[in-house]
Amino acid sequence: MKGYGNPFLAIQYHLYEYPLYTYCSHSEDSLNVLIIGFREYGQRFLDACLQNGQMQNKKLNVTVILDDKADKEAYLSERPGLSNFFDFDGSLSGNNDNYGNISFKIYCIERNDQSASVDALQTIMCEQYDLKRPHYVFVALGNDGGVWTGLPSGSKA
């Protein structure tokens, strides 16, 4: 990405070029983001979403697909105040006075097993989005030093 050695700068540049709100209509009351993979790049992308995704009259709903619960625990332990502003897996149930929802789902998504990955992603889409598309999808599977992709859900790779 533009030769940036810093993943967070690369992600910020990506969100500058392809802002989250671009793929969400004004009439919708939420912005839905799907993050697949939650190592360094996935975590950095979530941080950037939380910073850039706060919009008036829109809840930010993020679904994070990860394969290791320890990544979620480490992420949340480094951001203890975040739970005051976002609902994590129903932690603020009944309280609508928050910026949005973050759901963590543990699935094993294998970049080399396309059939199993498609099945897992279909299940996720049905559970989280009622067969509608999320507005934005970020995929960071495998080695964080390798290729990563962030595409609005309406884009074609």
Protein backbone atom coordinates (compact mmCIF):
# COMPACT_ATOMS: atom_id res chain seq x y z
CA MET A 1 0.00 0.00 0.00
CA LYS A 2 1.79 3.06 -1.20
CA GLY A 3 5.04 1.67 0.23
CA TYR A 4 4.06 2.31 3.85
CA GLY A 5 6.07 0.18 6.27
CA ASN A 6 3.60 1.01 9.02
CA PRO A 7 0.40 -1.07 8.79
CA PHE A 8 -1.70 1.50 10.63
CA LEU A 9 -0.70 4.27 8.20
CA ALA A 10 -1.49 1.98 5.28
CA ILE A 11 -4.91 1.22 6.75
CA GLN A 12 -5.60 4.91 7.38
CA TYR A 13 -4.63 5.69 3.80
CA HIS A 14 -6.93 2.91 2.58
CA LEU A 15 -9.83 4.33 4.60
CA TYR A 16 -9.04 7.78 3.23
CA GLU A 17 -9.28 6.43 -0.33
CA TYR A 18 -12.32 4.21 0.43
CA PRO A 19 -14.19 5.73 3.41
CA LEU A 20 -16.54 3.53 5.41
CA TYR A 21 -19.56 5.75 4.83
CA THR A 22 -19.30 5.60 1.03
CA TYR A 23 -21.10 2.26 0.86
CA CYS A 24 -23.88 3.02 3.32
CA SER A 25 -26.98 4.98 2.30
CA HIS A 26 -28.14 8.00 4.27
CA SER A 27 -31.41 6.25 5.13
CA GLU A 28 -29.70 3.35 6.94
CA ASP A 29 -29.26 3.68 10.68
CA SER A 30 -26.19 1.44 10.93
CA LEU A 31 -22.89 0.84 9.19
CA ASN A 32 -21.97 -2.86 9.10
CA VAL A 33 -18.32 -3.92 8.88
CA LEU A 34 -16.99 -7.48 8.64
CA ILE A 35 -13.37 -8.15 9.64
CA ILE A 36 -11.98 -11.58 8.80
CA GLY A 37 -8.74 -12.32 10.63
CA PHE A 38 -7.72 -10.63 13.88
CA ARG A 39 -3.97 -10.58 14.17
CA GLU A 40 -2.11 -7.26 13.87
CA TYR A 41 -3.77 -5.96 10.67
CA GLY A 42 -7.27 -6.96 11.72
CA GLN A 43 -6.80 -5.28 15.09
CA ARG A 44 -5.38 -2.15 13.49
CA PHE A 45 -8.28 -2.04 11.05
CA LEU A 46 -10.78 -2.31 13.92
CA ASP A 47 -9.01 0.55 15.71
CA ALA A 48 -9.23 2.67 12.56
CA CYS A 49 -12.93 1.79 12.14
CA LEU A 50 -13.67 2.81 15.71
CA GLN A 51 -11.94 6.14 15.11
CA ASN A 52 -13.36 6.84 11.64
CA GLY A 53 -16.72 5.10 11.91
CA GLN A 54 -18.42 7.37 14.42
CA MET A 55 -21.14 9.11 12.44
CA GLN A 56 -24.17 10.99 13.56
CA ASN A 57 -27.34 8.88 13.59
CA LYS A 58 -25.49 5.70 12.59
CA LYS A 59 -24.43 2.82 14.81
CA LEU A 60 -21.21 1.09 13.89
CA ASN A 61 -21.76 -2.68 13.87
CA VAL A 62 -18.57 -4.70 13.50
CA THR A 63 -18.35 -8.47 13.26
CA VAL A 64 -14.86 -9.84 13.81
CA ILE A 65 -14.06 -13.37 12.68
CA LEU A 66 -11.07 -14.80 14.53
CA ASP A 67 -9.65 -18.23 15.12
CA ASP A 68 -8.14 -17.67 18.57
CA LYS A 69 -10.03 -16.30 21.59
CA ALA A 70 -6.71 -15.09 23.01
CA ASP A 71 -6.52 -12.42 20.28
CA LYS A 72 -9.86 -10.97 21.45
CA GLU A 73 -8.82 -11.05 25.10
CA ALA A 74 -5.49 -9.37 24.37
CA TYR A 75 -7.19 -6.70 22.24
CA LEU A 76 -9.79 -5.86 24.88
CA SER A 77 -7.28 -5.92 27.76
CA GLU A 78 -5.24 -3.25 25.96
CA ARG A 79 -8.36 -1.08 25.54
CA PRO A 80 -10.21 -1.30 28.88
CA GLY A 81 -12.31 1.84 28.37
CA LEU A 82 -13.73 0.69 25.05
CA SER A 83 -16.49 -1.30 26.75
CA ASN A 84 -17.96 1.98 28.04
CA PHE A 85 -18.72 3.08 24.48
CA PHE A 86 -19.30 -0.11 22.47
CA ASP A 87 -21.39 -3.18 23.18
CA PHE A 88 -19.18 -6.29 23.03
CA ASP A 89 -21.11 -9.48 22.38
CA GLY A 90 -24.14 -8.15 24.27
CA SER A 91 -22.23 -6.73 27.26
CA LEU A 92 -24.42 -3.59 27.28
CA SER A 93 -27.70 -5.36 26.47
CA GLY A 94 -30.65 -3.10 27.01
CA ASN A 95 -28.48 0.03 26.83
CA ASN A 96 -28.86 1.74 23.46
CA ASP A 97 -26.71 4.71 24.50
CA ASN A 98 -23.51 3.52 22.81
CA TYR A 99 -21.64 4.04 19.55
CA GLY A 100 -22.31 0.55 18.24
CA ASN A 101 -21.76 -3.16 18.57
CA ILE A 102 -18.73 -5.38 18.18
CA SER A 103 -19.30 -9.11 17.88
CA PHE A 104 -16.47 -11.62 18.01
CA LYS A 105 -17.07 -14.96 16.33
CA ILE A 106 -14.59 -17.81 16.48
CA TYR A 107 -14.33 -19.72 13.21
CA CYS A 108 -11.38 -21.36 11.59
CA ILE A 109 -11.10 -19.71 8.18
CA GLU A 110 -8.40 -21.41 6.15
CA ARG A 111 -7.02 -19.57 3.17
CA ASN A 112 -6.14 -22.93 1.55
CA ASP A 113 -9.52 -24.64 2.12
CA GLN A 114 -11.96 -22.66 0.03
CA SER A 115 -14.92 -25.00 0.55
CA ALA A 116 -14.74 -24.86 4.35
CA SER A 117 -14.21 -21.10 4.25
CA VAL A 118 -17.26 -20.56 2.03
CA ASP A 119 -19.41 -22.65 4.38
CA ALA A 120 -18.20 -20.72 7.44
CA LEU A 121 -18.72 -17.35 5.74
CA GLN A 122 -22.24 -18.30 4.63
CA THR A 123 -23.09 -19.22 8.21
CA ILE A 124 -21.69 -15.91 9.44
CA MET A 125 -23.61 -13.93 6.82
CA CYS A 126 -26.88 -15.64 7.75
CA GLU A 127 -26.36 -15.14 11.47
CA GLN A 128 -25.11 -11.57 11.37
CA TYR A 129 -26.67 -9.97 8.32
CA ASP A 130 -29.82 -11.96 7.42
CA LEU A 131 -28.33 -12.67 3.99
CA LYS A 132 -27.71 -8.95 3.35
CA ARG A 133 -24.21 -7.79 2.63
CA PRO A 134 -22.11 -5.90 5.14
CA HIS A 135 -21.19 -2.43 3.92
CA TYR A 136 -17.47 -3.03 4.25
CA VAL A 137 -15.27 -6.14 4.42
CA PHE A 138 -11.64 -6.35 5.54
CA VAL A 139 -9.74 -9.61 5.10
CA ALA A 140 -6.41 -10.26 6.81
CA LEU A 141 -5.68 -13.98 6.88
CA GLY A 142 -2.37 -15.67 7.41
CA ASN A 143 0.95 -13.93 7.76
CA ASP A 144 0.54 -10.26 8.66
CA GLY A 145 3.62 -9.55 6.58
CA GLY A 146 1.86 -10.86 3.48
CA VAL A 147 -0.88 -9.47 1.32
CA TRP A 148 -4.04 -8.10 2.89
CA THR A 149 -7.18 -6.83 1.31
CA GLY A 150 -9.80 -4.34 2.33
CA LEU A 151 -12.74 -3.98 -0.01
CA PRO A 152 -16.09 -2.35 0.25
CA SER A 153 -18.58 -5.19 0.06
CA GLY A 154 -19.95 -3.90 -3.24
CA SER A 155 -16.52 -3.97 -4.90
CA LYS A 156 -15.24 -6.61 -7.22
CA ALA A 157 -11.78 -8.01 -6.63
